[in-house]
């Protein structure tokens, strides 16, 4: 959508006093300003502004292509190329992890997006705005389909899922339908997603006695830190295994110690 919005800018500016354009601007700009002002910024927070931006882009694209000069057209082309960067980074990571399925999906997505983008570039020269919008949407769809399909096939990117799977293997023989999870220095939202509202979260500095409380189906997921060794375990808990991977939310490599703190029901 970004390249189309860049191409539409001259027309948006020219029609800024029209009711429809002002309505979309009054919709999108406050959302943007609010999320610029708050400290936490996640990708999905700004989704409420996207429909307004899409309306502005496509509604003014035909006139914008006619008015846009070489600078704006070059900026739109550059914005399209920038969209390929995450897929290229992911393909490099998949190569390091020897995840050939993931590499295949990223390459298919990149190749299909480049091919569709090439057709879109020819359409831009013909000033065919609706065809350009459709091809841009198709290029983004195939690129993201390859990207997210590849993400799901790299196990090291999902340490929480691996930790929860191990916790399930440990607790299932005790008749537990879902392990009662405790995060110790590990507060990724995915842990709460899998563990539910009963999930307990403690900072890494929390005392061992406070965290390692025996309970039915209780599993502690502890983030191992360089300055902290494996905790001393009493009769309440036992060391059950280790999971390593790259936590996407934290943006770093993590090692998780799984502690079995089950007690009799």
Protein backbone atom coordinates (compact mmCIF):
# COMPACT_ATOMS: atom_id res chain seq x y z
CA UNK A 1 0.00 0.00 0.00
CA UNK A 2 2.87 2.40 0.74
CA UNK A 3 4.01 2.79 -2.90
CA UNK A 4 0.43 3.53 -3.96
CA UNK A 5 0.06 6.09 -1.18
CA UNK A 6 3.27 7.83 -2.26
CA UNK A 7 2.04 8.02 -5.84
CA UNK A 8 -1.30 9.45 -4.67
CA UNK A 9 0.24 12.20 -2.50
CA UNK A 10 0.02 15.04 -5.09
CA UNK A 11 -3.67 14.36 -5.65
CA UNK A 12 -4.35 14.02 -1.92
CA UNK A 13 -2.75 17.40 -1.32
CA UNK A 14 -4.65 19.01 -4.19
CA UNK A 15 -8.02 17.70 -2.90
CA UNK A 16 -7.31 18.18 0.81
CA UNK A 17 -10.28 20.54 1.18
CA UNK A 18 -12.79 18.07 -0.27
CA UNK A 19 -15.05 16.34 2.25
CA UNK A 20 -14.06 12.76 1.43
CA UNK A 21 -10.32 13.48 1.61
CA UNK A 22 -10.69 15.47 4.84
CA UNK A 23 -12.71 12.63 6.36
CA UNK A 24 -9.97 10.07 5.62
CA UNK A 25 -7.25 12.41 6.90
CA UNK A 26 -9.23 13.07 10.09
CA UNK A 27 -9.49 9.30 10.46
CA UNK A 28 -5.86 8.35 9.88
CA UNK A 29 -3.80 11.22 11.30
CA UNK A 30 -5.06 11.12 14.93
CA UNK A 31 -4.47 7.36 15.05
CA UNK A 32 -0.90 7.89 13.87
CA UNK A 33 -0.26 10.72 16.35
CA UNK A 34 -1.62 8.71 19.29
CA UNK A 35 0.64 5.75 18.57
CA UNK A 36 3.63 8.01 17.99
CA UNK A 37 3.05 9.43 21.46
CA UNK A 38 2.82 6.16 23.40
CA UNK A 39 6.00 4.21 24.24
CA UNK A 40 4.82 0.73 23.19
CA UNK A 41 4.59 0.25 19.43
CA UNK A 42 3.50 -3.08 17.95
CA UNK A 43 2.78 -3.62 14.28
CA UNK A 44 -0.92 -4.31 14.66
CA UNK A 45 -1.68 -1.25 16.81
CA UNK A 46 -2.04 1.05 13.80
CA UNK A 47 -4.42 -1.22 11.88
CA UNK A 48 -7.42 1.11 12.51
CA UNK A 49 -5.74 3.70 10.26
CA UNK A 50 -5.16 1.32 7.34
CA UNK A 51 -8.63 1.48 5.75
CA UNK A 52 -8.43 5.27 5.61
CA UNK A 53 -4.96 5.14 4.03
CA UNK A 54 -6.12 2.55 1.52
CA UNK A 55 -9.10 4.73 0.55
CA UNK A 56 -6.82 7.74 0.13
CA UNK A 57 -4.34 5.78 -1.96
CA UNK A 58 -6.74 4.09 -4.37
CA UNK A 59 -9.21 6.96 -4.51
CA UNK A 60 -6.52 9.40 -5.67
CA UNK A 61 -4.23 7.00 -7.51
CA UNK A 62 -5.35 7.76 -11.07
CA UNK A 63 -4.84 11.51 -10.69
CA UNK A 64 -1.76 11.00 -8.52
CA UNK A 65 0.02 8.94 -11.17
CA UNK A 66 -0.60 11.72 -13.67
CA UNK A 67 0.70 14.40 -11.27
CA UNK A 68 3.59 12.49 -9.69
CA UNK A 69 7.07 13.28 -10.95
CA UNK A 70 10.24 11.22 -11.18
CA UNK A 71 11.11 11.71 -7.49
CA UNK A 72 7.82 10.31 -6.20
CA UNK A 73 7.87 7.45 -8.68
CA UNK A 74 11.41 6.56 -7.61
CA UNK A 75 10.38 6.72 -3.94
CA UNK A 76 7.44 4.40 -4.65
CA UNK A 77 9.76 1.94 -6.40
CA UNK A 78 12.21 2.08 -3.49
CA UNK A 79 9.39 1.46 -1.00
CA UNK A 80 8.45 -1.64 -2.96
CA UNK A 81 12.01 -2.97 -2.77
CA UNK A 82 12.19 -2.31 0.99
CA UNK A 83 9.31 -4.75 1.42
CA UNK A 84 11.59 -7.54 0.21
CA UNK A 85 14.19 -6.96 2.94
CA UNK A 86 12.47 -8.97 5.74
CA UNK A 87 12.04 -11.92 3.37
CA UNK A 88 15.73 -11.77 2.40
CA UNK A 89 16.77 -11.64 6.07
CA UNK A 90 14.51 -14.59 6.83
CA UNK A 91 15.95 -16.60 3.95
CA UNK A 92 19.46 -16.01 5.31
CA UNK A 93 18.37 -17.14 8.77
CA UNK A 94 16.69 -20.22 7.29
CA UNK A 95 19.93 -21.05 5.48
CA UNK A 96 21.88 -20.85 8.75
CA UNK A 97 19.33 -23.12 10.41
CA UNK A 98 19.36 -25.49 7.41
CA UNK A 99 15.58 -25.17 7.17
CA UNK A 100 15.14 -25.98 3.50
CA UNK A 101 11.33 -25.84 3.54
CA UNK A 102 11.48 -22.28 4.88
CA UNK A 103 14.04 -21.28 2.24
CA UNK A 104 11.81 -22.69 -0.49
CA UNK A 105 8.81 -20.69 0.69
CA UNK A 106 10.78 -17.44 0.96
CA UNK A 107 12.31 -17.84 -2.49
CA UNK A 108 8.92 -18.62 -4.03
CA UNK A 109 7.41 -15.57 -2.35
CA UNK A 110 10.26 -13.28 -3.42
CA UNK A 111 10.27 -14.58 -7.01
CA UNK A 112 6.49 -14.26 -7.37
CA UNK A 113 6.54 -10.75 -5.86
CA UNK A 114 9.34 -9.64 -8.21
CA UNK A 115 7.50 -11.02 -11.23
CA UNK A 116 4.24 -9.34 -10.22
CA UNK A 117 6.11 -6.13 -9.41
CA UNK A 118 7.68 -6.11 -12.87
CA UNK A 119 4.23 -6.28 -14.46
CA UNK A 120 3.06 -3.55 -12.08
CA UNK A 121 5.94 -1.32 -13.19
CA UNK A 122 4.85 -1.66 -16.80
CA UNK A 123 1.30 -0.83 -15.71
CA UNK A 124 2.57 2.31 -13.94
CA UNK A 125 4.05 3.56 -17.22
CA UNK A 126 0.64 3.03 -18.84
CA UNK A 127 -1.10 5.06 -16.09
CA UNK A 128 -3.55 2.18 -15.46
CA UNK A 129 -4.32 2.88 -11.82
CA UNK A 130 -6.81 0.10 -11.01
CA UNK A 131 -4.62 -2.57 -12.58
CA UNK A 132 -1.63 -1.17 -10.69
CA UNK A 133 -3.52 -1.35 -7.38
CA UNK A 134 -4.57 -4.94 -8.04
CA UNK A 135 -1.05 -6.03 -8.98
CA UNK A 136 0.44 -4.29 -5.94
CA UNK A 137 -2.03 -6.12 -3.69
CA UNK A 138 -1.19 -9.43 -5.40
CA UNK A 139 2.57 -8.85 -5.00
CA UNK A 140 2.14 -8.11 -1.30
CA UNK A 141 -0.09 -11.17 -0.84
CA UNK A 142 2.32 -13.66 -2.44
CA UNK A 143 5.31 -12.16 -0.63
CA UNK A 144 3.59 -12.38 2.76
CA UNK A 145 2.27 -15.87 2.03
CA UNK A 146 5.82 -17.07 1.43
CA UNK A 147 7.19 -15.11 4.39
CA UNK A 148 4.73 -16.38 7.01
CA UNK A 149 4.75 -19.92 5.63
CA UNK A 150 8.53 -19.87 6.04
CA UNK A 151 8.30 -18.47 9.58
CA UNK A 152 6.09 -21.35 10.68
CA UNK A 153 8.65 -23.89 9.45
CA UNK A 154 11.64 -22.67 11.50
CA UNK A 155 11.31 -24.30 14.95
CA UNK A 156 14.07 -22.18 16.52
CA UNK A 157 11.89 -19.08 16.08
CA UNK A 158 9.27 -20.50 18.44
CA UNK A 159 10.97 -21.32 21.77
CA UNK A 160 7.74 -20.79 23.72
CA UNK A 161 5.93 -23.41 21.64
CA UNK A 162 8.79 -25.87 22.22
CA UNK A 163 8.76 -25.15 25.97
CA UNK A 164 4.98 -25.59 26.19
CA UNK A 165 5.18 -28.84 24.20
CA UNK A 166 7.78 -30.18 26.62
CA UNK A 167 5.65 -29.04 29.57
CA UNK A 168 2.70 -30.93 28.10
CA UNK A 169 4.74 -34.11 27.74
CA UNK A 170 5.76 -33.83 31.40
CA UNK A 171 2.31 -33.16 32.84
CA UNK A 172 0.14 -35.31 30.57
CA UNK A 173 0.86 -38.58 32.44
CA UNK A 174 -0.49 -36.89 35.58
CA UNK A 175 -3.86 -36.30 33.88
CA UNK A 176 -3.30 -32.58 33.16
CA UNK A 177 -5.16 -31.19 30.16
CA UNK A 178 -3.04 -28.01 30.30
CA UNK A 179 0.12 -27.34 32.33
CA UNK A 180 -0.01 -24.53 34.86
CA UNK A 181 2.78 -22.32 33.55
CA UNK A 182 5.00 -19.90 35.44
CA UNK A 183 7.40 -17.59 33.65
CA UNK A 184 10.55 -16.80 35.62
CA UNK A 185 12.38 -13.96 33.91
CA UNK A 186 10.50 -14.91 30.73
CA UNK A 187 7.40 -12.81 30.12
CA UNK A 188 6.75 -13.29 26.42
CA UNK A 189 3.03 -12.80 25.56
CA UNK A 190 3.08 -16.19 23.82
CA UNK A 191 3.60 -17.87 27.20
CA UNK A 192 0.39 -16.30 28.53
CA UNK A 193 -1.36 -17.16 25.28
CA UNK A 194 -0.61 -20.84 25.77
CA UNK A 195 -0.98 -20.91 29.56
CA UNK A 196 -4.10 -18.80 29.88
CA UNK A 197 -5.02 -16.28 32.56
CA UNK A 198 -3.66 -18.54 35.30
CA UNK A 199 -0.10 -18.07 34.00
CA UNK A 200 2.15 -16.51 36.65
CA UNK A 201 4.99 -14.18 35.68
CA UNK A 202 7.97 -13.35 37.90
CA UNK A 203 11.05 -11.22 37.22
CA UNK A 204 14.42 -12.95 37.02
CA UNK A 205 15.30 -11.45 40.42
CA UNK A 206 12.36 -13.13 42.20
CA UNK A 207 13.39 -15.44 45.09
CA UNK A 208 13.47 -19.13 44.30
CA UNK A 209 11.17 -19.93 47.20
CA UNK A 210 8.52 -17.61 45.81
CA UNK A 211 8.59 -19.08 42.32
CA UNK A 212 9.17 -22.77 43.00
CA UNK A 213 5.93 -23.56 44.74
CA UNK A 214 4.67 -27.12 44.24
CA UNK A 215 1.24 -27.29 42.66
CA UNK A 216 -0.73 -29.72 40.53
CA UNK A 217 0.45 -29.60 36.88
CA UNK A 218 2.87 -26.76 37.70
CA UNK A 219 5.74 -26.09 35.27
CA UNK A 220 8.21 -23.21 35.60
CA UNK A 221 9.77 -21.79 32.42
CA UNK A 222 12.93 -19.99 33.49
CA UNK A 223 14.97 -17.69 31.27
CA UNK A 224 18.60 -18.59 31.76
CA UNK A 225 20.82 -15.51 32.05
CA UNK A 226 24.57 -15.25 31.78
CA UNK A 227 25.00 -14.09 35.35
CA UNK A 228 22.62 -16.70 36.77
CA UNK A 229 23.29 -20.41 36.98
CA UNK A 230 20.70 -23.15 37.16
CA UNK A 231 18.66 -22.58 40.35
CA UNK A 232 19.03 -24.84 43.31
CA UNK A 233 16.16 -27.30 43.36
CA UNK A 234 14.60 -28.74 46.46
CA UNK A 235 12.10 -31.55 46.75
CA UNK A 236 9.42 -29.38 45.13
CA UNK A 237 10.91 -29.09 41.63
CA UNK A 238 13.18 -31.00 39.32
CA UNK A 239 15.08 -29.98 36.21
CA UNK A 240 13.20 -31.43 33.22
CA UNK A 241 14.99 -30.07 30.17
CA UNK A 242 16.18 -27.05 28.21
CA UNK A 243 14.83 -25.29 25.11
CA UNK A 244 16.79 -22.80 23.02
CA UNK A 245 15.67 -20.49 20.23
CA UNK A 246 15.25 -16.91 19.04
CA UNK A 247 12.42 -15.06 20.81
CA UNK A 248 10.91 -12.78 18.17
CA UNK A 249 9.18 -10.54 20.74
CA UNK A 250 12.37 -9.99 22.71
CA UNK A 251 14.55 -9.91 19.59
CA UNK A 252 17.28 -12.12 21.06
CA UNK A 253 18.50 -15.66 21.50
CA UNK A 254 17.11 -17.32 24.63
CA UNK A 255 17.68 -20.50 26.61
CA UNK A 256 14.76 -21.72 28.70
CA UNK A 257 15.07 -24.14 31.59
CA UNK A 258 11.95 -26.25 32.18
CA UNK A 259 11.35 -27.02 35.86
CA UNK A 260 8.83 -29.67 36.87
CA UNK A 261 7.13 -28.45 40.06
CA UNK A 262 4.14 -30.79 40.06
CA UNK A 263 2.50 -31.85 43.27
CA UNK A 264 0.00 -34.61 43.87
CA UNK A 265 -3.61 -33.61 43.09
